[in-house]
Each structure stands twice: as C-alpha cells, then as structure tokens.
Protein backbone atom coordinates (compact mmCIF):
# COMPACT_ATOMS: atom_id res chain seq x y z
CA MET A 1 32.89 5.87 0.25
CA PRO A 2 30.57 3.56 -1.74
CA GLU A 3 27.39 5.18 -2.95
CA LYS A 4 24.42 4.44 -0.74
CA LYS A 5 21.53 2.64 -2.38
CA LEU A 6 17.87 2.02 -1.67
CA ILE A 7 16.66 -1.23 -3.25
CA VAL A 8 12.90 -1.22 -3.81
CA ILE A 9 11.14 -4.59 -4.00
CA ALA A 10 7.53 -4.05 -5.07
CA GLY A 11 4.75 -6.07 -6.64
CA PRO A 12 1.14 -7.14 -6.20
CA THR A 13 -0.25 -8.71 -3.05
CA GLY A 14 0.57 -12.39 -2.66
CA VAL A 15 3.45 -12.44 -5.13
CA GLY A 16 6.15 -13.19 -2.54
CA LYS A 17 7.73 -9.80 -1.82
CA THR A 18 8.51 -10.47 1.85
CA ALA A 19 10.30 -13.74 1.16
CA ALA A 20 12.34 -12.18 -1.65
CA ALA A 21 13.23 -9.15 0.47
CA ILE A 22 14.43 -11.37 3.32
CA VAL A 23 16.67 -13.36 0.97
CA CYS A 24 18.10 -10.13 -0.44
CA ALA A 25 18.54 -8.53 3.00
CA LYS A 26 20.40 -11.57 4.35
CA GLN A 27 22.71 -11.53 1.33
CA LEU A 28 23.45 -7.84 1.84
CA HIS A 29 23.40 -7.92 5.67
CA THR A 30 20.94 -5.06 5.79
CA ASP A 31 17.49 -4.01 7.04
CA ILE A 32 14.03 -3.97 5.47
CA ILE A 33 11.67 -0.99 5.56
CA SER A 34 8.03 -1.86 4.97
CA ALA A 35 6.20 0.06 2.24
CA ASP A 36 2.90 -1.66 2.92
CA SER A 37 0.69 0.97 4.52
CA ARG A 38 -1.52 -1.66 6.15
CA GLN A 39 1.35 -3.43 7.91
CA PHE A 40 2.00 -0.35 10.06
CA PHE A 41 -0.90 -1.30 12.35
CA LYS A 42 -0.20 -3.72 15.18
CA GLU A 43 -3.79 -4.92 15.63
CA ILE A 44 -4.13 -6.50 12.17
CA PRO A 45 -1.06 -8.62 11.33
CA ILE A 46 -2.93 -11.60 9.83
CA GLY A 47 -5.06 -9.74 7.30
CA THR A 48 -2.13 -7.58 6.20
CA ALA A 49 0.28 -10.54 5.84
CA ALA A 50 2.76 -8.74 8.07
CA PRO A 51 6.16 -10.41 8.49
CA THR A 52 5.97 -13.06 11.19
CA ALA A 53 7.99 -13.06 14.39
CA GLU A 54 10.27 -15.67 12.82
CA GLU A 55 10.80 -13.54 9.70
CA ARG A 56 11.49 -10.46 11.78
CA ALA A 57 14.02 -12.43 13.81
CA MET A 58 15.93 -13.25 10.62
CA VAL A 59 16.12 -9.64 9.40
CA SER A 60 15.40 -6.31 11.07
CA HIS A 61 12.10 -4.86 9.80
CA HIS A 62 10.97 -1.26 10.24
CA PHE A 63 7.45 0.21 10.01
CA VAL A 64 5.77 -3.08 10.87
CA GLY A 65 3.30 -2.99 13.76
CA ASN A 66 4.61 0.39 14.85
CA LEU A 67 1.21 2.11 14.97
CA SER A 68 -2.29 1.53 16.30
CA VAL A 69 -5.29 1.69 13.97
CA SER A 70 -6.46 4.67 16.04
CA ASP A 71 -3.26 6.64 15.31
CA TYR A 72 -3.33 9.38 12.70
CA TYR A 73 -0.78 8.72 9.97
CA ASN A 74 -0.43 9.54 6.30
CA VAL A 75 1.93 9.34 3.36
CA TYR A 76 3.44 12.75 4.09
CA LYS A 77 4.49 11.65 7.59
CA TYR A 78 5.79 8.40 6.14
CA GLU A 79 8.06 10.22 3.69
CA VAL A 80 9.64 12.25 6.48
CA ASP A 81 9.97 9.29 8.85
CA VAL A 82 11.55 6.97 6.28
CA LEU A 83 14.05 9.57 5.09
CA GLN A 84 15.12 10.16 8.69
CA LEU A 85 15.50 6.42 9.25
CA LEU A 86 17.50 6.01 6.03
CA GLU A 87 19.91 8.69 7.15
CA THR A 88 20.60 6.60 10.25
CA LEU A 89 20.72 3.21 8.49
CA PHE A 90 23.08 4.44 5.78
CA LYS A 91 25.68 5.19 8.46
CA THR A 92 26.18 1.45 8.89
CA HIS A 93 24.78 -0.04 5.64
CA ASN A 94 25.56 0.65 2.00
CA GLU A 95 22.21 -0.78 0.90
CA VAL A 96 18.76 -0.75 2.50
CA ILE A 97 15.66 -2.51 1.20
CA LEU A 98 12.23 -0.90 0.85
CA CYS A 99 9.62 -3.64 0.39
CA GLY A 100 5.88 -3.41 -0.14
CA GLY A 101 2.93 -2.97 -2.41
CA SER A 102 1.71 0.53 -1.54
CA GLY A 103 2.77 2.41 -4.65
CA MET A 104 1.98 5.85 -3.30
CA TYR A 105 4.20 5.25 -0.25
CA ILE A 106 7.05 3.95 -2.40
CA ASP A 107 6.76 7.01 -4.65
CA ALA A 108 6.82 9.28 -1.59
CA VAL A 109 10.23 7.89 -0.56
CA CYS A 110 11.71 7.75 -4.06
CA LYS A 111 10.25 10.90 -5.62
CA GLY A 112 8.68 12.92 -2.83
CA ILE A 113 5.13 14.06 -2.29
CA ASP A 114 4.24 17.42 -3.76
CA ASP A 115 3.02 20.15 -1.46
CA ILE A 116 -0.65 20.03 -2.38
CA PRO A 117 -2.37 23.15 -1.03
CA ASP A 118 -4.78 23.02 1.87
CA ILE A 119 -8.32 22.51 0.66
CA ASP A 120 -10.80 25.37 0.95
CA PRO A 121 -13.37 24.36 3.61
CA GLU A 122 -16.18 25.28 1.22
CA ILE A 123 -14.84 22.87 -1.42
CA ARG A 124 -14.41 20.12 1.19
CA GLU A 125 -17.95 20.65 2.41
CA ARG A 126 -19.28 20.53 -1.14
CA VAL A 127 -17.54 17.22 -1.92
CA THR A 128 -18.61 15.75 1.42
CA ARG A 129 -22.21 16.77 0.75
CA GLN A 130 -22.00 15.20 -2.72
CA PHE A 131 -20.96 11.89 -1.18
CA HIS A 132 -23.69 11.88 1.45
CA GLU A 133 -26.46 13.00 -0.91
CA GLU A 134 -25.50 11.27 -4.17
CA GLY A 135 -23.38 8.34 -3.01
CA ILE A 136 -20.00 6.95 -3.93
CA GLU A 137 -20.97 6.33 -7.57
CA SER A 138 -21.26 10.08 -8.06
CA LEU A 139 -17.66 10.50 -6.83
CA ARG A 140 -16.45 7.78 -9.18
CA THR A 141 -18.18 9.30 -12.20
CA GLN A 142 -16.76 12.76 -11.57
CA LEU A 143 -13.25 11.48 -10.87
CA GLN A 144 -13.29 9.41 -14.08
CA LYS A 145 -13.99 12.62 -16.02
CA LEU A 146 -11.47 14.81 -14.17
CA ASP A 147 -8.63 12.33 -13.73
CA PRO A 148 -8.94 9.04 -15.66
CA GLU A 149 -5.32 8.17 -14.82
CA TYR A 150 -5.89 8.16 -11.07
CA TYR A 151 -9.34 6.60 -11.54
CA ALA A 152 -7.64 3.56 -13.11
CA ILE A 153 -5.54 2.84 -10.04
CA VAL A 154 -7.47 4.15 -7.02
CA ASP A 155 -9.49 1.85 -4.78
CA LEU A 156 -12.97 2.70 -6.08
CA LYS A 157 -14.54 1.50 -2.84
CA ASN A 158 -12.51 3.93 -0.72
CA HIS A 159 -14.64 7.06 -0.61
CA THR A 160 -11.99 8.92 1.41
CA ARG A 161 -9.42 8.67 -1.39
CA LEU A 162 -12.02 9.53 -4.03
CA MET A 163 -13.07 12.63 -2.10
CA ARG A 164 -9.47 13.71 -1.55
CA ALA A 165 -8.70 13.45 -5.26
CA LEU A 166 -11.83 15.41 -6.21
CA GLU A 167 -11.04 18.12 -3.66
CA VAL A 168 -7.61 18.62 -5.21
CA CYS A 169 -9.02 18.61 -8.76
CA VAL A 170 -11.55 21.32 -7.88
CA GLN A 171 -9.10 23.36 -5.78
CA THR A 172 -6.21 23.38 -8.27
CA GLY A 173 -7.97 23.04 -11.62
CA LYS A 174 -5.57 20.18 -12.37
CA SER A 175 -5.95 16.43 -12.25
CA TYR A 176 -4.95 14.87 -8.95
CA SER A 177 -2.28 12.89 -10.82
CA GLU A 178 -0.75 16.08 -12.19
CA ALA A 179 -0.88 17.86 -8.84
CA ARG A 180 0.92 14.96 -7.19
CA THR A 181 3.68 14.45 -9.75
CA ASN A 182 4.80 17.93 -10.79
CA THR A 183 8.24 17.61 -9.22
CA CYS A 184 10.61 14.76 -8.45
CA LYS A 185 12.80 15.47 -5.46
CA LYS A 186 16.45 14.53 -5.70
CA ARG A 187 17.48 11.96 -3.13
CA PRO A 188 21.03 11.70 -1.69
CA PHE A 189 21.19 7.99 -2.52
CA ALA A 190 20.86 5.74 -5.56
CA ILE A 191 17.62 3.85 -6.14
CA GLN A 192 17.13 0.48 -7.82
CA LYS A 193 13.53 -0.60 -8.40
CA ILE A 194 12.57 -4.25 -8.72
CA ALA A 195 8.98 -5.39 -9.34
CA LEU A 196 7.89 -9.00 -8.91
CA ASN A 197 5.12 -10.56 -10.96
CA MET A 198 3.97 -13.90 -12.34
CA PRO A 199 1.31 -15.15 -14.81
CA ARG A 200 -2.12 -13.93 -13.75
CA GLU A 201 -3.62 -17.39 -13.21
CA GLU A 202 -0.75 -18.38 -10.94
CA LEU A 203 -0.93 -15.12 -9.00
CA TYR A 204 -4.69 -15.41 -8.51
CA ASP A 205 -4.31 -18.98 -7.29
CA ARG A 206 -1.67 -17.86 -4.79
CA ILE A 207 -3.95 -15.07 -3.58
CA ASN A 208 -6.88 -17.47 -3.11
CA ARG A 209 -4.72 -19.92 -1.18
CA ARG A 210 -3.24 -17.16 0.94
CA VAL A 211 -6.71 -15.95 1.94
CA GLU A 212 -7.58 -19.50 2.99
CA ALA A 213 -4.37 -19.62 5.03
CA MET A 214 -5.29 -16.31 6.70
CA ILE A 215 -8.68 -17.74 7.64
CA ALA A 216 -6.94 -20.76 9.18
CA GLN A 217 -4.57 -18.44 11.08
CA GLY A 218 -7.48 -16.56 12.65
CA LEU A 219 -8.42 -13.67 10.34
CA GLU A 220 -12.08 -13.85 11.40
CA GLU A 221 -11.15 -13.59 15.07
CA GLU A 222 -8.77 -10.72 14.29
CA ALA A 223 -11.58 -8.89 12.48
CA ARG A 224 -13.96 -9.45 15.41
CA ALA A 225 -11.38 -7.97 17.79
CA VAL A 226 -11.37 -4.66 15.86
CA TYR A 227 -15.05 -4.69 14.83
CA HIS A 228 -15.88 -1.90 17.27
CA LEU A 229 -13.28 0.28 15.47
CA ARG A 230 -14.64 -0.42 11.98
CA HIS A 231 -15.22 3.32 11.36
CA LEU A 232 -11.45 3.93 11.32
CA THR A 233 -9.74 4.32 7.93
CA PRO A 234 -7.14 1.51 8.35
CA LEU A 235 -9.98 -0.99 8.76
CA LYS A 236 -11.85 0.05 5.62
CA THR A 237 -9.77 -2.39 3.66
CA VAL A 238 -9.81 -5.86 2.14
CA GLY A 239 -10.19 -8.64 4.67
CA TYR A 240 -11.98 -6.55 7.25
CA ARG A 241 -14.84 -4.76 5.53
CA GLU A 242 -16.07 -8.09 4.10
CA PHE A 243 -16.09 -9.71 7.54
CA PHE A 244 -17.75 -6.62 9.01
CA ASP A 245 -20.59 -7.08 6.50
CA TYR A 246 -20.90 -10.66 7.69
CA PHE A 247 -20.90 -9.60 11.35
CA ASP A 248 -23.62 -7.06 10.52
CA GLY A 249 -25.76 -9.86 9.10
CA ASN A 250 -25.64 -8.53 5.55
CA THR A 251 -24.05 -11.63 4.06
CA THR A 252 -22.93 -15.16 4.84
CA ARG A 253 -19.49 -16.20 6.07
CA GLU A 254 -18.84 -18.16 2.87
CA PHE A 255 -19.75 -15.15 0.72
CA ALA A 256 -17.54 -12.87 2.81
CA ILE A 257 -14.55 -15.16 2.27
CA GLU A 258 -15.16 -15.31 -1.48
CA LYS A 259 -15.40 -11.51 -1.57
CA ILE A 260 -12.07 -11.24 0.24
CA LYS A 261 -10.52 -13.39 -2.47
CA GLN A 262 -12.15 -11.40 -5.26
CA ASN A 263 -11.28 -8.00 -3.78
CA SER A 264 -7.70 -9.14 -3.14
CA ARG A 265 -7.38 -10.14 -6.80
CA ASN A 266 -8.78 -6.77 -7.87
CA TYR A 267 -6.35 -5.01 -5.55
CA ALA A 268 -3.44 -6.92 -7.10
CA LYS A 269 -4.58 -5.80 -10.53
CA ARG A 270 -4.55 -2.14 -9.44
CA GLN A 271 -1.11 -2.52 -7.89
CA ILE A 272 0.33 -3.86 -11.15
CA THR A 273 -1.26 -0.99 -13.08
CA TRP A 274 0.32 1.52 -10.69
CA LEU A 275 3.80 0.00 -10.94
CA LYS A 276 3.74 -0.32 -14.73
CA ARG A 277 3.29 3.42 -15.13
CA ASP A 278 6.83 3.79 -13.73
CA GLY A 279 9.37 2.78 -16.37
CA GLU A 280 12.19 2.53 -13.81
CA TYR A 281 11.12 -0.88 -12.52
CA GLU A 282 12.93 -4.06 -13.54
CA TRP A 283 10.37 -6.86 -13.68
CA HIS A 284 11.27 -10.30 -12.36
CA ALA A 285 9.58 -13.56 -11.47
CA PRO A 286 9.89 -14.35 -7.75
CA SER A 287 12.86 -16.59 -7.10
CA GLY A 288 15.61 -17.20 -4.60
CA GLU A 289 17.79 -14.55 -6.20
CA LEU A 290 17.24 -10.98 -7.25
CA ILE A 291 19.38 -9.05 -9.68
CA VAL A 292 20.87 -6.31 -7.52
CA GLU A 293 23.18 -3.93 -9.31
CA SER A 294 26.55 -3.39 -7.72
C-alpha cells in the first residue's frame, strides 16, 4: 500500500492558499481540510474569506462553516476531530490537503498539542484580576518578559490568549512556548509542508484589495448581523472588532476600513513569523503548480 500523506498548504492571509489548495486537490483527486480557525463559523464567511459555494463544489472541503460562533471549540478538539477525519479519508485517498493560516491548528494536527495541566483557580483569578485592574498592556509586558518567543507571534490585542499564556507560565514555571512544544507526537502518515509567500509590498497590496472586495461583498452587513454577539471569542477578530467600534460610534466607517487593512497586514506578518520558526516548510511563490513530493 502507498504511504498516506498529509500535504499542508500554509501562508499568510491573502496570499492565495485556497486557490492553490484547490488546484492541488483537483490534481490529486482528494479533499481539503481547513486549518483556518475562523472559517469554522458559518455566520462569518465574508470576513474570514471562506471558500465560496463554487469553490466547495469543485473540491470537498471540511471544517468550513461547520460551527456557530456560539459553539465552544478549541484547538484540542480540532486535533481529535481532524485525526478522526483523516483516518476515514485515508481509506479512499493516498493524499489529503490541510490548508490554512492558523499555525497553532496546523501544529496540533502535525505535532500534537501537549497536555497542559489544568490551571489552578487561584492563578486564573489572579491573572483575570490583573487584566481588569491593570489592563491589557500589563499582560503584554509580563508575557514579553516570561515568553518573548510567544509574545512575538501572539495577537497582542487578544486578551484571552495573553491570559492563557500567562496562566500556563505561572502554573508550570516554564514559558508557554516550552510547555506547548515539549513533545512531538508521531503520526501514522507522512507530512509535507508547503508555505506560500510573496514580496511584502505585493502581499500588502493584495490584502488591501481583498479587504475592499470584502466590503463590496457585504462585510459591513455581515458584521451588523452578529453585532449582538460581539462578546463571543470568534468575533473578537480582524474585520469585526473594527466595525463594532464604528457601530458603537467610536470611529468613522472610513477609519474602521483602514484599520481592517492595517490589522490584516499585521496579522499576515505574525503568520509568517510563526511559520518561519518551523524549518520543515518548503517556501514557494503562489502559482498554478505546487511541488508535491511523490
């Protein structure tokens, strides 16, 4: 029997991962599993650049629009769910494609998530109190001291992830990065990792134009439809929090759109940093063909 293989296609937002994955999947007659943690949620397809109905008709996609923003889900559940799906898909396919830009979710499938201990309620309460009394800047400062590696790649506006990392640092006495990467689980399939990138100016231009396309497709209306759920974690992300500020009267529409562009560019920068720390990736410019090892 041929060895089964998972082909990872990663890269920053806006680089063209979906298009490349579809080309590759059609060549290999296989399925695509999304590794974009925002595309899981059915209410927000425009702002997450989820594969369109036409794209999904060309190739079978999994983990796209399969959850509601009100559903509880995390990277640990994702690891289990994807491994179960791969076991099924590999019965009829020799290769399967994992495509997305959420580095932590890709790592969960390829390497596994370590069993980080449950956090002592006293430690959790202390970190929560720190956030409420001293603000998010206090969390950033402490995390930069305790774990500069994770600080360089985490979304510094996401207080939930900052608090989680600090809780683990305090609980274990290790950096969050170290606690998460102590062991690499052996998978019963081969893995080929491909990362797409392009010159920064070109990428940033693509991101700006894609945001404008999202606005034309109805991103503002999509954000208004979930505005009443803005307290939920999936909506504390680029494209929605900026519009929520506008809806709250804190900024103008034009400023909100410019902030979406800026924050999308910053997000792309963090994604590239995350991927470059993994020496297993082969870096390619987006094109009609990908180098897939036989």
